[in-house]
N, C-alpha and C. Protein backbone atom coordinates (compact mmCIF):
# COMPACT_ATOMS: atom_id res chain seq x y z
N MET A 1 59.01 57.35 81.00
CA MET A 1 58.30 58.71 81.86
C MET A 1 58.54 58.70 82.85
N PRO A 2 59.69 60.45 82.89
CA PRO A 2 59.90 60.59 83.94
C PRO A 2 58.49 61.06 85.64
N LEU A 3 59.04 61.25 86.45
CA LEU A 3 57.94 60.69 87.73
C LEU A 3 57.89 62.56 87.64
N SER A 4 56.67 62.88 88.33
CA SER A 4 56.41 64.48 88.27
C SER A 4 56.73 64.49 90.28
N GLU A 5 57.02 65.65 90.25
CA GLU A 5 57.74 65.99 91.15
C GLU A 5 56.84 65.90 92.78
N GLN A 6 56.09 65.58 92.95
CA GLN A 6 55.25 65.24 94.08
C GLN A 6 55.82 63.69 94.23
N GLU A 7 55.46 62.71 92.92
CA GLU A 7 55.79 61.36 93.05
C GLU A 7 57.31 60.95 93.42
N GLN A 8 57.99 62.18 92.54
CA GLN A 8 59.44 61.71 93.45
C GLN A 8 60.01 62.28 94.44
N LYS A 9 59.56 63.56 95.30
CA LYS A 9 59.13 63.38 96.69
C LYS A 9 58.99 62.62 97.55
N LEU A 10 57.83 61.77 97.03
CA LEU A 10 56.83 60.59 97.72
C LEU A 10 57.90 59.60 97.63
N LEU A 11 58.40 59.20 96.45
CA LEU A 11 59.30 58.14 96.85
C LEU A 11 60.90 57.98 97.37
N ASP A 12 61.54 59.38 97.21
CA ASP A 12 62.48 60.02 98.37
C ASP A 12 62.20 59.41 99.29
N GLU A 13 60.75 60.27 99.84
CA GLU A 13 60.59 59.83 101.37
C GLU A 13 60.13 58.74 102.10
N MET A 14 59.73 57.63 101.01
CA MET A 14 59.84 56.36 101.15
C MET A 14 60.98 55.09 101.29
N GLU A 15 62.02 56.01 100.45
CA GLU A 15 63.10 55.68 100.52
C GLU A 15 63.96 55.34 101.94
N ARG A 16 63.83 56.89 102.23
CA ARG A 16 63.90 57.36 103.53
C ARG A 16 63.65 56.79 105.05
N SER A 17 62.19 56.45 104.69
CA SER A 17 61.53 55.85 105.45
C SER A 17 62.51 54.47 105.59
N LEU A 18 62.44 53.64 104.43
CA LEU A 18 62.92 52.49 104.45
C LEU A 18 64.49 51.61 104.75
N TYR A 19 64.97 53.14 105.23
CA TYR A 19 65.93 53.26 105.34
C TYR A 19 66.61 53.34 106.77
N HIS A 20 65.60 53.71 107.37
CA HIS A 20 65.57 54.37 108.98
C HIS A 20 64.69 52.98 109.52
N ASN A 21 63.55 53.15 108.96
CA ASN A 21 62.74 51.93 109.74
C ASN A 21 62.99 50.38 109.89
N ASP A 22 64.21 50.16 108.95
CA ASP A 22 64.24 48.25 108.06
C ASP A 22 65.25 48.52 107.79
N ALA A 23 66.60 48.92 108.68
CA ALA A 23 67.45 48.90 108.31
C ALA A 23 68.47 47.24 108.12
N ASP A 24 67.67 46.21 108.76
CA ASP A 24 68.30 45.08 108.37
C ASP A 24 67.87 44.58 107.14
N PHE A 25 66.46 44.84 106.71
CA PHE A 25 66.03 44.84 105.51
C PHE A 25 67.37 45.12 104.16
N VAL A 26 67.62 46.45 104.85
CA VAL A 26 68.27 47.01 103.38
C VAL A 26 69.60 46.61 103.80
N SER A 27 70.20 46.06 105.02
CA SER A 27 71.73 45.41 104.82
C SER A 27 71.48 43.56 103.67
N ALA A 28 70.55 43.27 103.95
CA ALA A 28 70.10 41.86 104.02
C ALA A 28 70.08 41.83 102.39
N VAL A 29 69.40 43.06 101.59
CA VAL A 29 69.07 42.73 99.95
C VAL A 29 70.63 43.55 99.49
N ASN A 30 71.64 44.23 100.54
CA ASN A 30 72.60 44.78 99.90
C ASN A 30 73.82 43.85 100.15
N ALA A 31 73.48 42.83 100.76
CA ALA A 31 74.40 41.74 101.43
C ALA A 31 74.67 40.62 99.80
N GLY A 32 73.27 40.57 98.88
CA GLY A 32 73.46 40.13 98.10
C GLY A 32 74.54 40.56 96.97
N ARG A 33 74.68 41.78 96.68
CA ARG A 33 75.24 42.41 95.74
C ARG A 33 76.69 42.26 95.89
N GLY A 34 77.39 42.12 94.70
CA GLY A 34 79.08 41.99 95.02
C GLY A 34 79.49 41.89 93.42
N LYS A 35 80.82 41.34 93.43
CA LYS A 35 81.25 40.99 92.17
C LYS A 35 80.93 39.79 91.67
N LEU A 36 81.13 39.22 90.39
CA LEU A 36 81.01 37.99 89.90
C LEU A 36 81.84 37.13 90.01
N ASN A 37 81.82 36.55 90.49
CA ASN A 37 82.86 34.73 90.53
C ASN A 37 82.82 34.57 89.18
N TYR A 38 83.58 34.91 88.06
CA TYR A 38 83.26 34.30 86.75
C TYR A 38 83.88 33.02 86.82
N GLY A 39 84.97 32.51 87.13
CA GLY A 39 85.50 31.23 87.31
C GLY A 39 84.50 30.41 87.44
N ALA A 40 83.36 30.57 88.27
CA ALA A 40 82.58 29.58 88.93
C ALA A 40 81.40 29.81 88.24
N LEU A 41 81.01 30.89 87.49
CA LEU A 41 80.14 31.24 86.39
C LEU A 41 80.09 30.19 85.70
N VAL A 42 81.50 29.95 84.77
CA VAL A 42 81.65 29.40 83.50
C VAL A 42 81.48 27.93 83.84
N LEU A 43 82.04 27.57 84.90
CA LEU A 43 82.15 26.00 85.76
C LEU A 43 80.78 25.52 85.76
N GLY A 44 79.88 26.55 86.49
CA GLY A 44 78.34 25.87 86.28
C GLY A 44 77.68 26.16 84.95
N ILE A 45 78.04 26.94 84.24
CA ILE A 45 76.98 26.81 82.93
C ILE A 45 77.96 25.47 82.46
N LEU A 46 79.02 25.40 82.32
CA LEU A 46 79.41 23.78 82.06
C LEU A 46 78.57 22.67 82.02
N LEU A 47 78.74 22.90 83.63
CA LEU A 47 78.17 21.70 84.74
C LEU A 47 76.57 21.65 84.26
N SER A 48 76.29 22.59 83.72
CA SER A 48 74.35 22.76 83.47
C SER A 48 74.39 21.81 82.47
N VAL A 49 75.12 22.14 81.31
CA VAL A 49 74.86 22.00 79.49
C VAL A 49 75.50 20.61 79.41
N VAL A 50 76.49 20.03 81.06
CA VAL A 50 76.53 18.55 80.36
C VAL A 50 75.40 17.70 81.57
N GLY A 51 75.26 18.28 82.17
CA GLY A 51 74.20 17.42 82.83
C GLY A 51 73.08 17.32 81.85
N LEU A 52 72.57 18.80 81.22
CA LEU A 52 71.68 18.49 80.16
C LEU A 52 71.99 17.31 79.25
N VAL A 53 72.81 17.46 78.79
CA VAL A 53 73.38 16.13 77.63
C VAL A 53 73.08 14.82 78.40
N VAL A 54 73.47 14.85 80.02
CA VAL A 54 73.28 13.52 80.22
C VAL A 54 71.86 13.12 80.46
N VAL A 55 70.86 14.00 80.90
CA VAL A 55 69.50 13.67 81.17
C VAL A 55 69.18 13.60 80.02
N ILE A 56 69.11 13.91 78.61
CA ILE A 56 68.93 13.62 77.02
C ILE A 56 69.03 12.13 76.78
N VAL A 57 70.56 11.92 77.04
CA VAL A 57 70.93 10.62 77.13
C VAL A 57 70.06 9.16 77.68
N GLY A 58 69.34 9.95 79.02
CA GLY A 58 68.76 9.16 79.95
C GLY A 58 67.36 8.86 79.84
N VAL A 59 66.91 10.18 78.88
CA VAL A 59 65.53 9.81 78.23
C VAL A 59 66.16 8.94 76.77
N ILE A 60 66.74 9.54 76.08
CA ILE A 60 66.93 8.34 75.27
C ILE A 60 67.18 6.59 75.44
N THR A 61 67.87 6.42 76.13
CA THR A 61 68.07 5.06 76.66
C THR A 61 67.08 4.95 78.14
N HIS A 62 66.07 5.59 77.86
CA HIS A 62 65.22 4.96 78.75
C HIS A 62 65.81 4.57 80.16
N LEU A 63 66.79 5.01 80.98
CA LEU A 63 67.46 4.43 82.18
C LEU A 63 67.28 5.68 83.18
N LEU A 64 66.69 5.18 84.09
CA LEU A 64 65.93 6.73 85.01
C LEU A 64 67.06 7.07 85.77
N ILE A 65 68.51 6.41 86.45
CA ILE A 65 69.46 6.65 87.11
C ILE A 65 69.99 7.75 86.49
N VAL A 66 70.12 7.35 84.61
CA VAL A 66 71.27 8.22 84.07
C VAL A 66 70.37 9.74 84.22
N GLY A 67 68.96 9.57 83.66
CA GLY A 67 68.45 11.13 83.99
C GLY A 67 68.40 11.64 85.19
N LEU A 68 68.49 10.87 86.53
CA LEU A 68 68.72 11.46 87.65
C LEU A 68 69.69 12.26 87.93
N LEU A 69 70.57 11.26 87.36
CA LEU A 69 72.10 11.81 87.87
C LEU A 69 72.30 13.43 86.80
N GLY A 70 71.60 12.99 85.89
CA GLY A 70 72.25 14.72 84.35
C GLY A 70 71.36 15.58 85.49
N PHE A 71 70.30 15.41 86.06
CA PHE A 71 69.75 16.92 86.66
C PHE A 71 70.17 16.72 87.91
N VAL A 72 70.85 16.20 88.41
CA VAL A 72 71.50 16.64 89.45
C VAL A 72 73.00 17.18 89.58
N ALA A 73 73.13 17.13 88.24
CA ALA A 73 74.39 17.55 87.87
C ALA A 73 74.29 19.36 87.20
N MET A 74 72.92 19.10 86.32
CA MET A 74 72.21 20.48 86.22
C MET A 74 71.89 21.28 87.30
N PHE A 75 71.42 20.87 88.25
CA PHE A 75 71.09 21.61 89.36
C PHE A 75 72.00 22.06 90.47
N ALA A 76 73.03 21.37 90.11
CA ALA A 76 74.52 21.44 91.06
C ALA A 76 75.48 22.92 90.15
N GLY A 77 75.10 22.29 89.09
CA GLY A 77 75.60 23.68 88.25
C GLY A 77 75.10 24.82 88.32
N VAL A 78 74.05 25.06 88.27
CA VAL A 78 73.02 26.37 89.02
C VAL A 78 73.16 26.65 89.82
N LEU A 79 73.46 26.13 90.81
CA LEU A 79 74.07 26.49 92.27
C LEU A 79 75.30 27.33 92.26
N LEU A 80 76.15 26.51 91.36
CA LEU A 80 77.87 27.27 91.33
C LEU A 80 77.75 28.31 90.15
N ALA A 81 76.82 28.08 89.53
CA ALA A 81 76.85 29.27 88.71
C ALA A 81 76.39 30.57 89.65
N LEU A 82 75.20 29.69 90.30
CA LEU A 82 74.97 31.29 91.03
C LEU A 82 75.78 31.79 92.88
N ARG A 83 76.07 31.46 92.60
CA ARG A 83 77.61 31.23 94.09
C ARG A 83 77.71 32.71 94.50
N PRO A 84 77.76 33.30 95.51
CA PRO A 84 78.68 34.23 95.21
C PRO A 84 79.63 34.62 95.33
N SER A 85 80.42 35.44 95.25
CA SER A 85 81.88 35.61 95.04
C SER A 85 81.77 35.58 96.92
N LYS A 86 83.39 34.93 97.41
CA LYS A 86 84.01 34.93 98.34
C LYS A 86 84.04 36.39 99.32
N SER A 87 84.43 37.15 98.11
CA SER A 87 84.38 38.67 98.64
C SER A 87 83.14 39.25 99.13
N ALA A 88 82.56 38.54 98.01
CA ALA A 88 81.20 39.52 98.62
C ALA A 88 80.43 38.89 99.93
N VAL A 89 80.50 37.48 100.30
CA VAL A 89 80.07 36.93 101.28
C VAL A 89 80.71 37.35 102.92
N GLY A 90 81.82 37.41 102.93
CA GLY A 90 82.83 38.15 103.91
C GLY A 90 82.88 39.71 104.20
N ARG A 91 82.25 40.43 103.18
CA ARG A 91 82.34 42.06 103.21
C ARG A 91 81.40 42.42 104.32
N PRO A 92 81.83 43.14 105.42
CA PRO A 92 80.54 43.48 105.99
C PRO A 92 80.25 44.71 104.93
N VAL A 93 78.72 44.53 105.12
CA VAL A 93 77.79 45.57 104.34
C VAL A 93 77.36 47.06 105.25
N SER A 94 77.30 48.03 104.78
CA SER A 94 77.40 49.45 105.46
C SER A 94 75.99 50.06 104.76
N GLY A 95 74.74 49.95 105.58
CA GLY A 95 73.97 51.32 105.06
C GLY A 95 74.23 52.30 104.87
N PRO A 96 73.29 52.97 104.53
CA PRO A 96 73.38 54.58 103.53
C PRO A 96 73.89 55.16 105.30
N ARG A 97 74.49 56.29 104.86
CA ARG A 97 75.06 56.98 105.94
C ARG A 97 73.51 58.35 106.06
N THR A 98 73.11 58.40 107.57
CA THR A 98 71.96 59.78 107.72
C THR A 98 72.23 60.76 108.31
N ALA A 99 71.89 61.70 108.78
CA ALA A 99 72.07 62.79 109.52
C ALA A 99 72.52 62.62 110.83
N SER A 100 72.05 61.31 111.44
CA SER A 100 72.30 61.03 112.90
C SER A 100 73.44 59.77 112.60
N SER A 101 74.32 59.30 111.95
CA SER A 101 75.35 58.61 111.80
C SER A 101 76.27 59.77 111.82
N PRO A 102 77.58 58.97 112.35
CA PRO A 102 79.14 59.42 112.31
C PRO A 102 79.28 60.01 111.11
N SER A 103 79.79 61.06 111.00
CA SER A 103 80.15 61.63 109.04
C SER A 103 81.28 61.89 109.47
N GLY A 104 82.21 60.55 110.20
CA GLY A 104 84.18 60.99 110.35
C GLY A 104 84.59 61.00 108.30
N ALA A 105 83.85 59.82 107.81
CA ALA A 105 84.47 59.71 106.54
C ALA A 105 83.43 60.25 105.33
N ALA A 106 83.40 61.49 105.39
CA ALA A 106 82.57 61.99 104.71
C ALA A 106 82.75 62.03 103.35
N SER A 107 84.09 61.86 102.84
CA SER A 107 84.43 61.64 101.75
C SER A 107 84.09 60.20 101.24
N LYS A 108 83.91 59.32 101.92
CA LYS A 108 83.40 58.20 101.59
C LYS A 108 82.17 57.87 101.38
N THR A 109 81.35 59.03 101.49
CA THR A 109 79.72 58.89 101.28
C THR A 109 79.48 59.04 99.81
N ASN A 110 78.55 58.24 99.32
CA ASN A 110 78.60 58.78 97.77
C ASN A 110 77.67 59.82 97.22
N LEU A 111 76.76 60.06 96.05
CA LEU A 111 75.99 60.94 95.89
C LEU A 111 74.87 60.78 96.35
N MET A 112 74.61 59.77 96.19
CA MET A 112 72.68 59.34 96.91
C MET A 112 72.91 59.59 98.33
N ASP A 113 73.74 59.64 98.91
CA ASP A 113 74.00 59.97 100.70
C ASP A 113 74.04 60.93 100.95
N ARG A 114 74.71 61.76 100.11
CA ARG A 114 74.55 62.88 100.07
C ARG A 114 73.49 63.60 100.09
N LEU A 115 72.96 63.57 99.31
CA LEU A 115 71.63 64.26 98.68
C LEU A 115 70.61 63.76 99.45
N ASN A 116 70.29 62.79 99.92
CA ASN A 116 69.64 62.20 100.74
C ASN A 116 69.34 63.05 102.39
N GLU A 117 70.50 63.30 102.68
CA GLU A 117 71.17 64.18 103.84
C GLU A 117 70.47 65.69 103.35
N ARG A 118 71.24 65.72 102.54
CA ARG A 118 70.57 67.37 102.50
C ARG A 118 69.23 67.17 102.28
N TRP A 119 69.09 66.37 101.36
CA TRP A 119 67.05 66.69 101.74
C TRP A 119 66.38 66.94 103.47
N ASP A 120 66.73 65.54 103.71
CA ASP A 120 66.52 65.72 105.08
C ASP A 120 66.85 66.81 106.13
N LYS A 121 67.72 67.87 106.06
CA LYS A 121 68.12 68.95 106.44
C LYS A 121 67.30 69.98 106.01
N ARG A 122 67.18 70.04 104.96
CA ARG A 122 66.20 70.69 104.23
C ARG A 122 64.54 70.32 104.62
N GLN A 123 64.31 69.26 104.71
CA GLN A 123 62.65 68.89 105.25
C GLN A 123 62.61 69.21 106.84
N ASP A 124 64.07 69.18 107.79
CA ASP A 124 63.66 69.46 108.82
C ASP A 124 63.62 71.20 109.26
N ARG A 125 64.48 71.67 108.45
CA ARG A 125 64.34 73.24 108.21
C ARG A 125 62.37 73.35 108.44
N GLU A 126 62.13 73.12 106.90
CA GLU A 126 60.96 73.09 106.65
C GLU A 126 59.66 73.09 107.83
N GLU A 127 60.09 72.04 108.58
CA GLU A 127 58.83 71.69 109.87
C GLU A 127 59.35 72.73 110.49
């Protein structure tokens, strides 16, 4: 169900306010985004499956240490699978461009940034 015009304006205003007032939060959220490391993902899934098998073997044999080792292997596999790629960790995160930021590289701004700038200019003219 699409948003009404008033709801869309309110949502846009809230988004601009978030970008302007809480840039640290926006950059922290954007820092988590990046390319998947497929090698680590596959290795983590395999390690988790092996860990699950070891846990099941530990339950069947009633050996606590085998079950714990399997759990540790499963946990390590999940952490490995969810690890961000090195390019995403070392990559600097730039927030959205605003009207007050330097626009020397205007060709690099994406569509949403340009639309937000146009919206801000329109709102300034109406006031």
